[in-house]
C-alpha atoms as a PDB file:
ATOM      1  CA  MET A   1      -3.889  -7.769 -13.037  1.00  0.00           C
ATOM      2  CA  PRO A   2      -4.323  -5.538  -9.971  1.00  0.00           C
ATOM      3  CA  ASN A   3      -1.768  -5.712  -7.210  1.00  0.00           C
ATOM      4  CA  GLN A   4      -3.205  -8.077  -4.604  1.00  0.00           C
ATOM      5  CA  TYR A   5      -0.929  -6.790  -1.860  1.00  0.00           C
ATOM      6  CA  ARG A   6      -1.916  -3.591  -0.091  1.00  0.00           C
ATOM      7  CA  ARG A   7       0.982  -1.266   0.636  1.00  0.00           C
ATOM      8  CA  ARG A   8       1.350  -0.570   4.339  1.00  0.00           C
ATOM      9  CA  ASN A   9       1.926   2.980   5.443  1.00  0.00           C
ATOM     10  CA  SER A  10       5.132   3.447   7.378  1.00  0.00           C
ATOM     11  CA  LEU A  11       4.896   4.484  10.999  1.00  0.00           C
ATOM     12  CA  ARG A  12       8.408   5.942  10.823  1.00  0.00           C
ATOM     13  CA  TYR A  13       9.080   9.670  10.702  1.00  0.00           C
ATOM     14  CA  PRO A  14       9.989  10.558   7.086  1.00  0.00           C
ATOM     15  CA  GLY A  15      13.621  11.483   6.605  1.00  0.00           C
ATOM     16  CA  TYR A  16      14.715  10.679  10.151  1.00  0.00           C
ATOM     17  CA  ASP A  17      17.828   8.505  10.532  1.00  0.00           C
ATOM     18  CA  TYR A  18      16.811   5.997  13.197  1.00  0.00           C
ATOM     19  CA  ALA A  19      20.456   5.075  13.777  1.00  0.00           C
ATOM     20  CA  GLN A  20      21.558   8.604  14.708  1.00  0.00           C
ATOM     21  CA  PRO A  21      22.370   9.376  18.337  1.00  0.00           C
ATOM     22  CA  GLY A  22      19.379  10.420  20.406  1.00  0.00           C
ATOM     23  CA  ALA A  23      16.445   9.222  22.488  1.00  0.00           C
ATOM     24  CA  VAL A  24      13.393   7.418  21.156  1.00  0.00           C
ATOM     25  CA  PHE A  25      10.211   6.508  23.057  1.00  0.00           C
ATOM     26  CA  VAL A  26       8.861   3.130  21.911  1.00  0.00           C
ATOM     27  CA  THR A  27       5.616   1.272  22.522  1.00  0.00           C
ATOM     28  CA  ILE A  28       5.401  -2.432  21.721  1.00  0.00           C
ATOM     29  CA  GLU A  29       1.982  -4.108  21.925  1.00  0.00           C
ATOM     30  CA  THR A  30       0.925  -7.723  22.145  1.00  0.00           C
ATOM     31  CA  ALA A  31      -1.189  -8.968  19.243  1.00  0.00           C
ATOM     32  CA  ALA A  32      -4.901  -8.268  19.789  1.00  0.00           C
ATOM     33  CA  ARG A  33      -3.880  -6.576  23.078  1.00  0.00           C
ATOM     34  CA  GLN A  34      -3.636  -9.942  24.852  1.00  0.00           C
ATOM     35  CA  ARG A  35      -2.983  -9.404  28.555  1.00  0.00           C
ATOM     36  CA  LEU A  36      -0.074 -11.760  29.050  1.00  0.00           C
ATOM     37  CA  PHE A  37       2.315  -9.833  31.276  1.00  0.00           C
ATOM     38  CA  GLY A  38       0.266  -9.424  34.450  1.00  0.00           C
ATOM     39  CA  THR A  39      -2.478  -7.280  35.955  1.00  0.00           C
ATOM     40  CA  VAL A  40      -2.803  -3.838  37.465  1.00  0.00           C
ATOM     41  CA  VAL A  41      -4.159  -3.738  41.019  1.00  0.00           C
ATOM     42  CA  GLU A  42      -4.756  -0.444  42.808  1.00  0.00           C
ATOM     43  CA  GLY A  43      -2.527   1.370  40.341  1.00  0.00           C
ATOM     44  CA  ARG A  44       0.401  -1.029  40.680  1.00  0.00           C
ATOM     45  CA  MET A  45       1.560  -3.434  38.017  1.00  0.00           C
ATOM     46  CA  LEU A  46       1.712  -7.030  39.274  1.00  0.00           C
ATOM     47  CA  HIS A  47       3.745  -9.000  36.753  1.00  0.00           C
ATOM     48  CA  SER A  48       3.053 -12.552  35.734  1.00  0.00           C
ATOM     49  CA  PRO A  49       6.088 -14.783  35.145  1.00  0.00           C
ATOM     50  CA  ALA A  50       5.881 -13.655  31.493  1.00  0.00           C
ATOM     51  CA  GLY A  51       5.971 -10.026  32.593  1.00  0.00           C
ATOM     52  CA  THR A  52       8.993 -10.669  34.785  1.00  0.00           C
ATOM     53  CA  MET A  53      10.708 -12.361  31.855  1.00  0.00           C
ATOM     54  CA  ALA A  54       9.907  -9.373  29.582  1.00  0.00           C
ATOM     55  CA  ILE A  55      11.448  -7.036  32.181  1.00  0.00           C
ATOM     56  CA  SER A  56      14.566  -9.184  32.251  1.00  0.00           C
ATOM     57  CA  ARG A  57      14.828  -9.102  28.445  1.00  0.00           C
ATOM     58  CA  TRP A  58      14.419  -5.309  28.371  1.00  0.00           C
ATOM     59  CA  GLN A  59      17.178  -4.976  30.955  1.00  0.00           C
ATOM     60  CA  THR A  60      19.583  -6.961  28.750  1.00  0.00           C
ATOM     61  CA  ILE A  61      19.195  -4.689  25.715  1.00  0.00           C
ATOM     62  CA  GLN A  62      22.366  -2.836  26.734  1.00  0.00           C
ATOM     63  CA  ASP A  63      24.292  -6.135  26.851  1.00  0.00           C
ATOM     64  CA  ARG A  64      23.172  -6.991  23.317  1.00  0.00           C
ATOM     65  CA  PHE A  65      23.659  -3.469  21.915  1.00  0.00           C
ATOM     66  CA  PRO A  66      26.641  -1.658  23.488  1.00  0.00           C
ATOM     67  CA  ALA A  67      25.743   1.661  21.794  1.00  0.00           C
ATOM     68  CA  VAL A  68      22.243   1.643  23.317  1.00  0.00           C
ATOM     69  CA  GLU A  69      21.187   2.668  26.799  1.00  0.00           C
ATOM     70  CA  THR A  70      17.755   2.025  28.191  1.00  0.00           C
ATOM     71  CA  ASP A  71      15.981   4.532  30.358  1.00  0.00           C
ATOM     72  CA  THR A  72      12.579   4.512  32.021  1.00  0.00           C
ATOM     73  CA  PHE A  73      10.327   1.609  30.962  1.00  0.00           C
ATOM     74  CA  VAL A  74       7.258  -0.265  32.094  1.00  0.00           C
ATOM     75  CA  VAL A  75       5.868  -3.669  31.190  1.00  0.00           C
ATOM     76  CA  MET A  76       2.067  -3.449  31.260  1.00  0.00           C
ATOM     77  CA  PRO A  77      -0.461  -6.299  30.832  1.00  0.00           C
ATOM     78  CA  ASP A  78      -0.566  -5.921  27.035  1.00  0.00           C
ATOM     79  CA  HIS A  79       2.248  -3.572  26.071  1.00  0.00           C
ATOM     80  CA  VAL A  80       5.693  -2.253  26.877  1.00  0.00           C
ATOM     81  CA  HIS A  81       6.709   1.421  26.969  1.00  0.00           C
ATOM     82  CA  GLY A  82      10.373   2.367  27.074  1.00  0.00           C
ATOM     83  CA  ILE A  83      12.947   4.957  26.185  1.00  0.00           C
ATOM     84  CA  VAL A  84      16.146   3.981  24.393  1.00  0.00           C
ATOM     85  CA  PHE A  85      19.169   6.186  23.807  1.00  0.00           C
ATOM     86  CA  LEU A  86      21.060   5.361  20.619  1.00  0.00           C
ATOM     87  CA  GLY A  87      24.668   6.203  19.810  1.00  0.00           C
ATOM     88  CA  THR A  88      26.044   6.096  23.331  1.00  0.00           C
ATOM     89  CA  ASP A  89      29.203   4.223  22.281  1.00  0.00           C
ATOM     90  CA  ALA A  90      31.956   5.567  20.030  1.00  0.00           C
ATOM     91  CA  ASP A  91      32.415   2.229  18.217  1.00  0.00           C
ATOM     92  CA  GLU A  92      31.453   2.866  14.597  1.00  0.00           C
ATOM     93  CA  ALA A  93      29.814  -0.544  14.052  1.00  0.00           C
ATOM     94  CA  ALA A  94      27.755  -0.137  17.212  1.00  0.00           C
ATOM     95  CA  LEU A  95      26.670   3.326  16.121  1.00  0.00           C
ATOM     96  CA  ARG A  96      24.769   1.778  13.197  1.00  0.00           C
ATOM     97  CA  THR A  97      22.286   0.138  15.579  1.00  0.00           C
ATOM     98  CA  THR A  98      18.757   1.340  14.864  1.00  0.00           C
ATOM     99  CA  VAL A  99      15.605   1.476  16.956  1.00  0.00           C
ATOM    100  CA  GLY A 100      14.260  -1.252  14.673  1.00  0.00           C
ATOM    101  CA  ASP A 101      17.224  -3.502  15.528  1.00  0.00           C
ATOM    102  CA  VAL A 102      16.533  -3.070  19.246  1.00  0.00           C
ATOM    103  CA  VAL A 103      12.774  -3.657  18.992  1.00  0.00           C
ATOM    104  CA  ARG A 104      13.232  -6.629  16.651  1.00  0.00           C
ATOM    105  CA  TRP A 105      15.683  -8.264  19.065  1.00  0.00           C
ATOM    106  CA  PHE A 106      13.447  -7.597  22.084  1.00  0.00           C
ATOM    107  CA  LYS A 107      10.339  -9.010  20.410  1.00  0.00           C
ATOM    108  CA  THR A 108      12.212 -12.074  19.114  1.00  0.00           C
ATOM    109  CA  SER A 109      13.878 -12.704  22.462  1.00  0.00           C
ATOM    110  CA  VAL A 110      10.610 -12.508  24.416  1.00  0.00           C
ATOM    111  CA  TYR A 111       8.832 -14.626  21.782  1.00  0.00           C
ATOM    112  CA  ALA A 112      11.434 -17.395  21.991  1.00  0.00           C
ATOM    113  CA  ALA A 113      11.542 -17.431  25.786  1.00  0.00           C
ATOM    114  CA  TYR A 114       7.741 -17.331  26.059  1.00  0.00           C
ATOM    115  CA  GLY A 115       7.333 -20.261  23.661  1.00  0.00           C
ATOM    116  CA  THR A 116       9.871 -22.302  25.590  1.00  0.00           C
ATOM    117  CA  ARG A 117       8.066 -21.631  28.882  1.00  0.00           C
ATOM    118  CA  VAL A 118       4.697 -22.570  27.364  1.00  0.00           C
ATOM    119  CA  ARG A 119       6.145 -25.958  26.369  1.00  0.00           C
ATOM    120  CA  GLU A 120       8.298 -26.594  29.431  1.00  0.00           C
ATOM    121  CA  GLU A 121       6.547 -24.820  32.309  1.00  0.00           C
ATOM    122  CA  GLY A 122       2.900 -24.691  31.271  1.00  0.00           C
ATOM    123  CA  TRP A 123       2.606 -20.935  30.798  1.00  0.00           C
ATOM    124  CA  PRO A 124      -0.709 -19.975  29.198  1.00  0.00           C
ATOM    125  CA  PRO A 125      -0.302 -19.899  25.430  1.00  0.00           C
ATOM    126  CA  TYR A 126      -0.992 -16.725  23.511  1.00  0.00           C
ATOM    127  CA  ASP A 127      -3.720 -16.663  20.891  1.00  0.00           C
ATOM    128  CA  GLY A 128      -2.317 -16.584  17.356  1.00  0.00           C
ATOM    129  CA  GLN A 129       0.622 -14.177  17.468  1.00  0.00           C
ATOM    130  CA  LEU A 130       2.483 -12.892  20.510  1.00  0.00           C
ATOM    131  CA  TRP A 131       3.307  -9.420  19.196  1.00  0.00           C
ATOM    132  CA  HIS A 132       1.494  -6.811  17.170  1.00  0.00           C
ATOM    133  CA  ARG A 133       3.149  -6.569  13.763  1.00  0.00           C
ATOM    134  CA  ASP A 134       4.669  -3.106  14.238  1.00  0.00           C
ATOM    135  CA  TYR A 135       5.683  -0.849  17.074  1.00  0.00           C
ATOM    136  CA  TYR A 136       5.198   2.828  17.753  1.00  0.00           C
ATOM    137  CA  ASP A 137       7.995   5.316  18.234  1.00  0.00           C
ATOM    138  CA  ARG A 138       8.413   8.961  19.042  1.00  0.00           C
ATOM    139  CA  ILE A 139      11.660  10.845  18.651  1.00  0.00           C
ATOM    140  CA  VAL A 140      12.454  12.663  21.894  1.00  0.00           C
ATOM    141  CA  ARG A 141      13.339  16.200  20.871  1.00  0.00           C
ATOM    142  CA  ASN A 142      14.453  17.903  24.103  1.00  0.00           C
ATOM    143  CA  GLY A 143      14.840  17.591  27.859  1.00  0.00           C
ATOM    144  CA  ALA A 144      11.333  18.816  28.680  1.00  0.00           C
ATOM    145  CA  GLU A 145       9.825  16.217  26.366  1.00  0.00           C
ATOM    146  CA  LEU A 146      12.055  13.529  27.894  1.00  0.00           C
ATOM    147  CA  ALA A 147      10.824  14.458  31.372  1.00  0.00           C
ATOM    148  CA  ALA A 148       7.190  14.375  30.228  1.00  0.00           C
ATOM    149  CA  ILE A 149       7.623  10.955  28.600  1.00  0.00           C
ATOM    150  CA  ARG A 150       9.313   9.569  31.707  1.00  0.00           C
ATOM    151  CA  ALA A 151       6.379  10.806  33.796  1.00  0.00           C
ATOM    152  CA  TYR A 152       3.926   9.270  31.308  1.00  0.00           C
ATOM    153  CA  ILE A 153       5.667   5.886  31.497  1.00  0.00           C
ATOM    154  CA  GLU A 154       5.883   5.930  35.287  1.00  0.00           C
ATOM    155  CA  GLY A 155       2.207   6.900  35.575  1.00  0.00           C
ATOM    156  CA  ASN A 156       0.962   4.273  33.146  1.00  0.00           C
ATOM    157  CA  PRO A 157      -0.173   1.712  35.773  1.00  0.00           C
ATOM    158  CA  GLY A 158      -2.206   4.381  37.576  1.00  0.00           C
ATOM    159  CA  ARG A 159      -3.935   5.474  34.371  1.00  0.00           C
ATOM    160  CA  TRP A 160      -4.642   1.837  33.511  1.00  0.00           C
ATOM    161  CA  TRP A 161      -6.236   1.400  36.930  1.00  0.00           C
ATOM    162  CA  GLU A 162      -8.415   4.476  36.421  1.00  0.00           C
ATOM    163  CA  ARG A 163      -9.657   3.159  33.052  1.00  0.00           C
ATOM    164  CA  HIS A 164     -10.017  -0.536  33.820  1.00  0.00           C
ATOM    165  CA  GLY A 165     -10.361  -0.876  37.586  1.00  0.00           C
ATOM    166  CA  ASP A 166      -9.735  -4.165  39.354  1.00  0.00           C
ATOM    167  CA  GLU A 167      -9.772  -6.705  36.568  1.00  0.00           C
ATOM    168  CA  SER A 168      -8.096  -9.316  38.736  1.00  0.00           C
ATOM    169  CA  GLN A 169     -11.571  -9.998  40.191  1.00  0.00           C
ATOM    170  CA  ALA A 170     -13.094 -10.667  36.753  1.00  0.00           C
END
């Protein structure tokens, strides 16, 4: 009988210890690229209440994971870009925190809060799933790369505007 389950290819870098100290650039997308977190107008991100909530959750990552520091990030209409620094605390238990732990907590936290607000405050429901199944990561290898990634994140609303224009009028 053939295996009915297709093996998924890992998006992780082979052999890299994702709990070791260092910086990682992550991208987390909504499922089917649903635009739930706001709109971009004239190159500026205007967050919906869901976008503001996602910002708040990102900013509490350091409270949840003492060995993790967050750096530059942006919440876009259908995705989040951010940089996390792992291993910033000498506590051995905290040093075992992985990028996956951080992303899993963030996605779960936003999912739970979003669902509550749909029920209690009438937020627009998402279609099917809130989050794309995986996330994307890039290990930051040096200071020049860190600077380039920060610039990329900060410039993301402007690039969105160039590609999509004023979708708030649609």
